Amino acid sequence: FYDPAICMYTAQGTHQSGWLASQADMLA
């Protein structure tokens, strides 16, 4: 069983699970 997570679709065309926001991302 997997919990919900934020994922990113990358510039390389892959899906990165468990993406974490940087401080810059959070304050943008």
PDB file of all heavy atoms in Angstrom:
ATOM      1  N   PHE A   1       0.842  -1.193   0.000  1.00  0.00           N
ATOM      2  CA  PHE A   1       0.000   0.000   0.000  1.00  0.00           C
ATOM      3  C   PHE A   1       0.881   1.247   0.000  1.00  0.00           C
ATOM      4  O   PHE A   1       1.831   1.329   0.779  1.00  0.00           O
ATOM      5  CB  PHE A   1      -0.928   0.009   1.215  1.00  0.00           C
ATOM      6  CG  PHE A   1      -1.924  -1.109   1.178  1.00  0.00           C
ATOM      7  CD1 PHE A   1      -1.624  -2.341   1.743  1.00  0.00           C
ATOM      8  CD2 PHE A   1      -3.150  -0.947   0.558  1.00  0.00           C
ATOM      9  CE1 PHE A   1      -2.528  -3.387   1.694  1.00  0.00           C
ATOM     10  CE2 PHE A   1      -4.062  -1.986   0.512  1.00  0.00           C
ATOM     11  CZ  PHE A   1      -3.749  -3.208   1.083  1.00  0.00           C
ATOM     12  N   TYR A   2       0.579   2.184  -0.883  1.00  0.00           N
ATOM     13  CA  TYR A   2       1.338   3.423  -1.006  1.00  0.00           C
ATOM     14  C   TYR A   2       0.453   4.604  -0.624  1.00  0.00           C
ATOM     15  O   TYR A   2      -0.699   4.692  -1.042  1.00  0.00           O
ATOM     16  CB  TYR A   2       1.828   3.618  -2.436  1.00  0.00           C
ATOM     17  CG  TYR A   2       2.865   2.600  -2.848  1.00  0.00           C
ATOM     18  CD1 TYR A   2       2.483   1.384  -3.418  1.00  0.00           C
ATOM     19  CD2 TYR A   2       4.214   2.848  -2.667  1.00  0.00           C
ATOM     20  CE1 TYR A   2       3.435   0.456  -3.793  1.00  0.00           C
ATOM     21  CE2 TYR A   2       5.169   1.918  -3.032  1.00  0.00           C
ATOM     22  CZ  TYR A   2       4.778   0.720  -3.597  1.00  0.00           C
ATOM     23  OH  TYR A   2       5.708  -0.206  -3.959  1.00  0.00           O
ATOM     24  N   ASP A   3       1.012   5.531   0.147  1.00  0.00           N
ATOM     25  CA  ASP A   3       0.317   6.764   0.504  1.00  0.00           C
ATOM     26  C   ASP A   3       0.380   7.746  -0.664  1.00  0.00           C
ATOM     27  O   ASP A   3       1.255   7.623  -1.534  1.00  0.00           O
ATOM     28  CB  ASP A   3       0.967   7.403   1.727  1.00  0.00           C
ATOM     29  CG  ASP A   3       0.749   6.600   2.995  1.00  0.00           C
ATOM     30  OD1 ASP A   3      -0.314   5.967   3.122  1.00  0.00           O
ATOM     31  OD2 ASP A   3       1.639   6.609   3.860  1.00  0.00           O
ATOM     32  N   PRO A   4      -0.512   8.743  -0.672  1.00  0.00           N
ATOM     33  CA  PRO A   4      -0.438   9.766  -1.711  1.00  0.00           C
ATOM     34  C   PRO A   4       0.906  10.500  -1.642  1.00  0.00           C
ATOM     35  O   PRO A   4       1.502  10.634  -0.574  1.00  0.00           O
ATOM     36  CB  PRO A   4      -1.585  10.719  -1.366  1.00  0.00           C
ATOM     37  CG  PRO A   4      -2.516   9.905  -0.535  1.00  0.00           C
ATOM     38  CD  PRO A   4      -1.656   8.940   0.217  1.00  0.00           C
ATOM     39  N   ALA A   5       1.378  10.973  -2.794  1.00  0.00           N
ATOM     40  CA  ALA A   5       2.645  11.703  -2.864  1.00  0.00           C
ATOM     41  C   ALA A   5       2.613  12.683  -4.023  1.00  0.00           C
ATOM     42  O   ALA A   5       1.923  12.455  -5.019  1.00  0.00           O
ATOM     43  CB  ALA A   5       3.802  10.733  -3.052  1.00  0.00           C
ATOM     44  N   ILE A   6       3.376  13.761  -3.892  1.00  0.00           N
ATOM     45  CA  ILE A   6       3.553  14.686  -5.010  1.00  0.00           C
ATOM     46  C   ILE A   6       4.642  14.111  -5.905  1.00  0.00           C
ATOM     47  O   ILE A   6       5.711  13.731  -5.436  1.00  0.00           O
ATOM     48  CB  ILE A   6       3.944  16.088  -4.518  1.00  0.00           C
ATOM     49  CG1 ILE A   6       2.791  16.700  -3.703  1.00  0.00           C
ATOM     50  CG2 ILE A   6       4.293  16.999  -5.703  1.00  0.00           C
ATOM     51  CD1 ILE A   6       3.121  18.042  -3.078  1.00  0.00           C
ATOM     52  N   CYS A   7       4.359  14.018  -7.187  1.00  0.00           N
ATOM     53  CA  CYS A   7       5.298  13.484  -8.171  1.00  0.00           C
ATOM     54  C   CYS A   7       5.591  14.549  -9.215  1.00  0.00           C
ATOM     55  O   CYS A   7       4.806  15.471  -9.407  1.00  0.00           O
ATOM     56  CB  CYS A   7       4.708  12.260  -8.860  1.00  0.00           C
ATOM     57  SG  CYS A   7       4.334  10.918  -7.729  1.00  0.00           S
ATOM     58  N   MET A   8       6.723  14.396  -9.898  1.00  0.00           N
ATOM     59  CA  MET A   8       7.099  15.327 -10.958  1.00  0.00           C
ATOM     60  C   MET A   8       7.264  14.580 -12.271  1.00  0.00           C
ATOM     61  O   MET A   8       7.844  13.489 -12.303  1.00  0.00           O
ATOM     62  CB  MET A   8       8.409  16.022 -10.636  1.00  0.00           C
ATOM     63  CG  MET A   8       8.942  16.870 -11.788  1.00  0.00           C
ATOM     64  SD  MET A   8      10.528  17.631 -11.447  1.00  0.00           S
ATOM     65  CE  MET A   8       9.940  19.190 -10.810  1.00  0.00           C
ATOM     66  N   TYR A   9       6.751  15.177 -13.329  1.00  0.00           N
ATOM     67  CA  TYR A   9       7.072  14.730 -14.675  1.00  0.00           C
ATOM     68  C   TYR A   9       8.290  15.543 -15.082  1.00  0.00           C
ATOM     69  O   TYR A   9       8.247  16.774 -15.134  1.00  0.00           O
ATOM     70  CB  TYR A   9       5.906  14.947 -15.636  1.00  0.00           C
ATOM     71  CG  TYR A   9       6.205  14.425 -17.018  1.00  0.00           C
ATOM     72  CD1 TYR A   9       6.184  13.066 -17.274  1.00  0.00           C
ATOM     73  CD2 TYR A   9       6.548  15.288 -18.043  1.00  0.00           C
ATOM     74  CE1 TYR A   9       6.478  12.569 -18.538  1.00  0.00           C
ATOM     75  CE2 TYR A   9       6.843  14.812 -19.307  1.00  0.00           C
ATOM     76  CZ  TYR A   9       6.812  13.447 -19.537  1.00  0.00           C
ATOM     77  OH  TYR A   9       7.120  12.959 -20.781  1.00  0.00           O
ATOM     78  N   THR A  10       9.407  14.873 -15.352  1.00  0.00           N
ATOM     79  CA  THR A  10      10.683  15.544 -15.553  1.00  0.00           C
ATOM     80  C   THR A  10      10.920  15.934 -17.007  1.00  0.00           C
ATOM     81  O   THR A  10      10.230  15.462 -17.920  1.00  0.00           O
ATOM     82  CB  THR A  10      11.845  14.630 -15.103  1.00  0.00           C
ATOM     83  OG1 THR A  10      11.948  13.530 -16.020  1.00  0.00           O
ATOM     84  CG2 THR A  10      11.631  14.111 -13.690  1.00  0.00           C
ATOM     85  N   ALA A  11      11.942  16.745 -17.210  1.00  0.00           N
ATOM     86  CA  ALA A  11      12.332  17.163 -18.559  1.00  0.00           C
ATOM     87  C   ALA A  11      12.837  15.975 -19.375  1.00  0.00           C
ATOM     88  O   ALA A  11      12.846  16.029 -20.605  1.00  0.00           O
ATOM     89  CB  ALA A  11      13.401  18.242 -18.486  1.00  0.00           C
ATOM     90  N   GLN A  12      13.248  14.894 -18.712  1.00  0.00           N
ATOM     91  CA  GLN A  12      13.710  13.688 -19.399  1.00  0.00           C
ATOM     92  C   GLN A  12      12.568  12.743 -19.769  1.00  0.00           C
ATOM     93  O   GLN A  12      12.793  11.668 -20.317  1.00  0.00           O
ATOM     94  CB  GLN A  12      14.726  12.934 -18.527  1.00  0.00           C
ATOM     95  CG  GLN A  12      16.035  13.664 -18.307  1.00  0.00           C
ATOM     96  CD  GLN A  12      15.901  14.823 -17.326  1.00  0.00           C
ATOM     97  OE1 GLN A  12      15.115  14.771 -16.381  1.00  0.00           O
ATOM     98  NE2 GLN A  12      16.649  15.885 -17.563  1.00  0.00           N
ATOM     99  N   GLY A  13      11.340  13.122 -19.412  1.00  0.00           N
ATOM    100  CA  GLY A  13      10.179  12.313 -19.773  1.00  0.00           C
ATOM    101  C   GLY A  13       9.907  11.166 -18.819  1.00  0.00           C
ATOM    102  O   GLY A  13       9.248  10.202 -19.201  1.00  0.00           O
ATOM    103  N   THR A  14      10.389  11.269 -17.581  1.00  0.00           N
ATOM    104  CA  THR A  14      10.131  10.240 -16.575  1.00  0.00           C
ATOM    105  C   THR A  14       9.309  10.826 -15.438  1.00  0.00           C
ATOM    106  O   THR A  14       9.200  12.043 -15.298  1.00  0.00           O
ATOM    107  CB  THR A  14      11.452   9.677 -16.008  1.00  0.00           C
ATOM    108  OG1 THR A  14      12.174  10.738 -15.370  1.00  0.00           O
ATOM    109  CG2 THR A  14      12.302   9.055 -17.103  1.00  0.00           C
ATOM    110  N   HIS A  15       8.756   9.958 -14.622  1.00  0.00           N
ATOM    111  CA  HIS A  15       7.980  10.383 -13.459  1.00  0.00           C
ATOM    112  C   HIS A  15       8.814  10.140 -12.209  1.00  0.00           C
ATOM    113  O   HIS A  15       9.254   9.018 -11.962  1.00  0.00           O
ATOM    114  CB  HIS A  15       6.664   9.600 -13.367  1.00  0.00           C
ATOM    115  CG  HIS A  15       5.766   9.879 -14.523  1.00  0.00           C
ATOM    116  ND1 HIS A  15       4.788  10.833 -14.486  1.00  0.00           N
ATOM    117  CD2 HIS A  15       5.727   9.335 -15.761  1.00  0.00           C
ATOM    118  CE1 HIS A  15       4.163  10.860 -15.651  1.00  0.00           C
ATOM    119  NE2 HIS A  15       4.715   9.965 -16.444  1.00  0.00           N
ATOM    120  N   GLN A  16       9.021  11.195 -11.435  1.00  0.00           N
ATOM    121  CA  GLN A  16       9.791  11.100 -10.203  1.00  0.00           C
ATOM    122  C   GLN A  16       8.795  11.118  -9.043  1.00  0.00           C
ATOM    123  O   GLN A  16       8.100  12.103  -8.823  1.00  0.00           O
ATOM    124  CB  GLN A  16      10.760  12.271 -10.082  1.00  0.00           C
ATOM    125  CG  GLN A  16      11.529  12.277  -8.789  1.00  0.00           C
ATOM    126  CD  GLN A  16      12.381  13.528  -8.635  1.00  0.00           C
ATOM    127  OE1 GLN A  16      12.202  14.513  -9.344  1.00  0.00           O
ATOM    128  NE2 GLN A  16      13.290  13.491  -7.700  1.00  0.00           N
ATOM    129  N   SER A  17       8.725  10.010  -8.314  1.00  0.00           N
ATOM    130  CA  SER A  17       7.792   9.960  -7.183  1.00  0.00           C
ATOM    131  C   SER A  17       8.435  10.586  -5.955  1.00  0.00           C
ATOM    132  O   SER A  17       9.653  10.588  -5.799  1.00  0.00           O
ATOM    133  CB  SER A  17       7.388   8.514  -6.891  1.00  0.00           C
ATOM    134  OG  SER A  17       8.533   7.757  -6.569  1.00  0.00           O
ATOM    135  N   GLY A  18       7.612  11.126  -5.091  1.00  0.00           N
ATOM    136  CA  GLY A  18       8.108  11.706  -3.852  1.00  0.00           C
ATOM    137  C   GLY A  18       8.898  12.988  -4.065  1.00  0.00           C
ATOM    138  O   GLY A  18       9.863  13.256  -3.369  1.00  0.00           O
ATOM    139  N   TRP A  19       8.495  13.820  -5.019  1.00  0.00           N
ATOM    140  CA  TRP A  19       9.163  15.100  -5.258  1.00  0.00           C
ATOM    141  C   TRP A  19       9.046  15.969  -4.017  1.00  0.00           C
ATOM    142  O   TRP A  19       8.006  16.019  -3.369  1.00  0.00           O
ATOM    143  CB  TRP A  19       8.511  15.802  -6.457  1.00  0.00           C
ATOM    144  CG  TRP A  19       9.054  17.175  -6.727  1.00  0.00           C
ATOM    145  CD1 TRP A  19      10.174  17.476  -7.426  1.00  0.00           C
ATOM    146  CD2 TRP A  19       8.491  18.426  -6.315  1.00  0.00           C
ATOM    147  NE1 TRP A  19      10.359  18.839  -7.476  1.00  0.00           N
ATOM    148  CE2 TRP A  19       9.333  19.445  -6.783  1.00  0.00           C
ATOM    149  CE3 TRP A  19       7.358  18.783  -5.580  1.00  0.00           C
ATOM    150  CZ2 TRP A  19       9.081  20.795  -6.566  1.00  0.00           C
ATOM    151  CZ3 TRP A  19       7.108  20.114  -5.348  1.00  0.00           C
ATOM    152  CH2 TRP A  19       7.959  21.103  -5.844  1.00  0.00           C
ATOM    153  N   LEU A  20      10.139  16.645  -3.663  1.00  0.00           N
ATOM    154  CA  LEU A  20      10.148  17.550  -2.515  1.00  0.00           C
ATOM    155  C   LEU A  20      10.395  18.974  -2.985  1.00  0.00           C
ATOM    156  O   LEU A  20      11.304  19.220  -3.787  1.00  0.00           O
ATOM    157  CB  LEU A  20      11.234  17.146  -1.519  1.00  0.00           C
ATOM    158  CG  LEU A  20      11.053  15.784  -0.869  1.00  0.00           C
ATOM    159  CD1 LEU A  20      12.263  15.449  -0.007  1.00  0.00           C
ATOM    160  CD2 LEU A  20       9.778  15.758  -0.041  1.00  0.00           C
ATOM    161  N   ALA A  21       9.618  19.904  -2.477  1.00  0.00           N
ATOM    162  CA  ALA A  21       9.766  21.308  -2.830  1.00  0.00           C
ATOM    163  C   ALA A  21      10.963  21.906  -2.099  1.00  0.00           C
ATOM    164  O   ALA A  21      11.201  21.615  -0.927  1.00  0.00           O
ATOM    165  CB  ALA A  21       8.504  22.076  -2.446  1.00  0.00           C
ATOM    166  N   SER A  22      11.707  22.758  -2.793  1.00  0.00           N
ATOM    167  CA  SER A  22      12.779  23.519  -2.162  1.00  0.00           C
ATOM    168  C   SER A  22      12.159  24.716  -1.436  1.00  0.00           C
ATOM    169  O   SER A  22      10.970  25.028  -1.616  1.00  0.00           O
ATOM    170  CB  SER A  22      13.767  24.010  -3.213  1.00  0.00           C
ATOM    171  OG  SER A  22      13.145  24.993  -4.031  1.00  0.00           O
ATOM    172  N   GLN A  23      12.962  25.409  -0.648  1.00  0.00           N
ATOM    173  CA  GLN A  23      12.464  26.623   0.001  1.00  0.00           C
ATOM    174  C   GLN A  23      12.041  27.640  -1.047  1.00  0.00           C
ATOM    175  O   GLN A  23      11.023  28.317  -0.886  1.00  0.00           O
ATOM    176  CB  GLN A  23      13.520  27.210   0.928  1.00  0.00           C
ATOM    177  CG  GLN A  23      13.724  26.387   2.174  1.00  0.00           C
ATOM    178  CD  GLN A  23      14.656  27.066   3.152  1.00  0.00           C
ATOM    179  OE1 GLN A  23      14.835  28.283   3.128  1.00  0.00           O
ATOM    180  NE2 GLN A  23      15.244  26.280   4.028  1.00  0.00           N
ATOM    181  N   ALA A  24      12.810  27.722  -2.127  1.00  0.00           N
ATOM    182  CA  ALA A  24      12.457  28.653  -3.203  1.00  0.00           C
ATOM    183  C   ALA A  24      11.103  28.287  -3.808  1.00  0.00           C
ATOM    184  O   ALA A  24      10.288  29.168  -4.087  1.00  0.00           O
ATOM    185  CB  ALA A  24      13.545  28.656  -4.274  1.00  0.00           C
ATOM    186  N   ASP A  25      10.851  26.977  -4.014  1.00  0.00           N
ATOM    187  CA  ASP A  25       9.561  26.537  -4.552  1.00  0.00           C
ATOM    188  C   ASP A  25       8.423  26.903  -3.599  1.00  0.00           C
ATOM    189  O   ASP A  25       7.366  27.362  -4.031  1.00  0.00           O
ATOM    190  CB  ASP A  25       9.553  25.024  -4.777  1.00  0.00           C
ATOM    191  CG  ASP A  25      10.464  24.575  -5.899  1.00  0.00           C
ATOM    192  OD1 ASP A  25      10.614  25.316  -6.888  1.00  0.00           O
ATOM    193  OD2 ASP A  25      11.021  23.461  -5.788  1.00  0.00           O
ATOM    194  N   MET A  26       8.639  26.680  -2.310  1.00  0.00           N
ATOM    195  CA  MET A  26       7.578  26.935  -1.328  1.00  0.00           C
ATOM    196  C   MET A  26       7.253  28.418  -1.177  1.00  0.00           C
ATOM    197  O   MET A  26       6.119  28.779  -0.872  1.00  0.00           O
ATOM    198  CB  MET A  26       7.971  26.360   0.033  1.00  0.00           C
ATOM    199  CG  MET A  26       7.951  24.850   0.071  1.00  0.00           C
ATOM    200  SD  MET A  26       8.260  24.199   1.704  1.00  0.00           S
ATOM    201  CE  MET A  26      10.040  24.107   1.710  1.00  0.00           C
ATOM    202  N   LEU A  27       8.247  29.285  -1.400  1.00  0.00           N
ATOM    203  CA  LEU A  27       8.032  30.727  -1.225  1.00  0.00           C
ATOM    204  C   LEU A  27       7.692  31.447  -2.522  1.00  0.00           C
ATOM    205  O   LEU A  27       7.367  32.628  -2.508  1.00  0.00           O
ATOM    206  CB  LEU A  27       9.276  31.356  -0.591  1.00  0.00           C
ATOM    207  CG  LEU A  27       9.587  30.863   0.821  1.00  0.00           C
ATOM    208  CD1 LEU A  27      10.934  31.401   1.283  1.00  0.00           C
ATOM    209  CD2 LEU A  27       8.488  31.241   1.784  1.00  0.00           C
ATOM    210  N   ALA A  28       7.731  30.749  -3.634  1.00  0.00           N
ATOM    211  CA  ALA A  28       7.493  31.366  -4.945  1.00  0.00           C
ATOM    212  C   ALA A  28       6.023  31.707  -5.158  1.00  0.00           C
ATOM    213  O   ALA A  28       5.127  31.041  -4.642  1.00  0.00           O
ATOM    214  CB  ALA A  28       7.960  30.429  -6.052  1.00  0.00           C
TER     215      ALA A  28
END
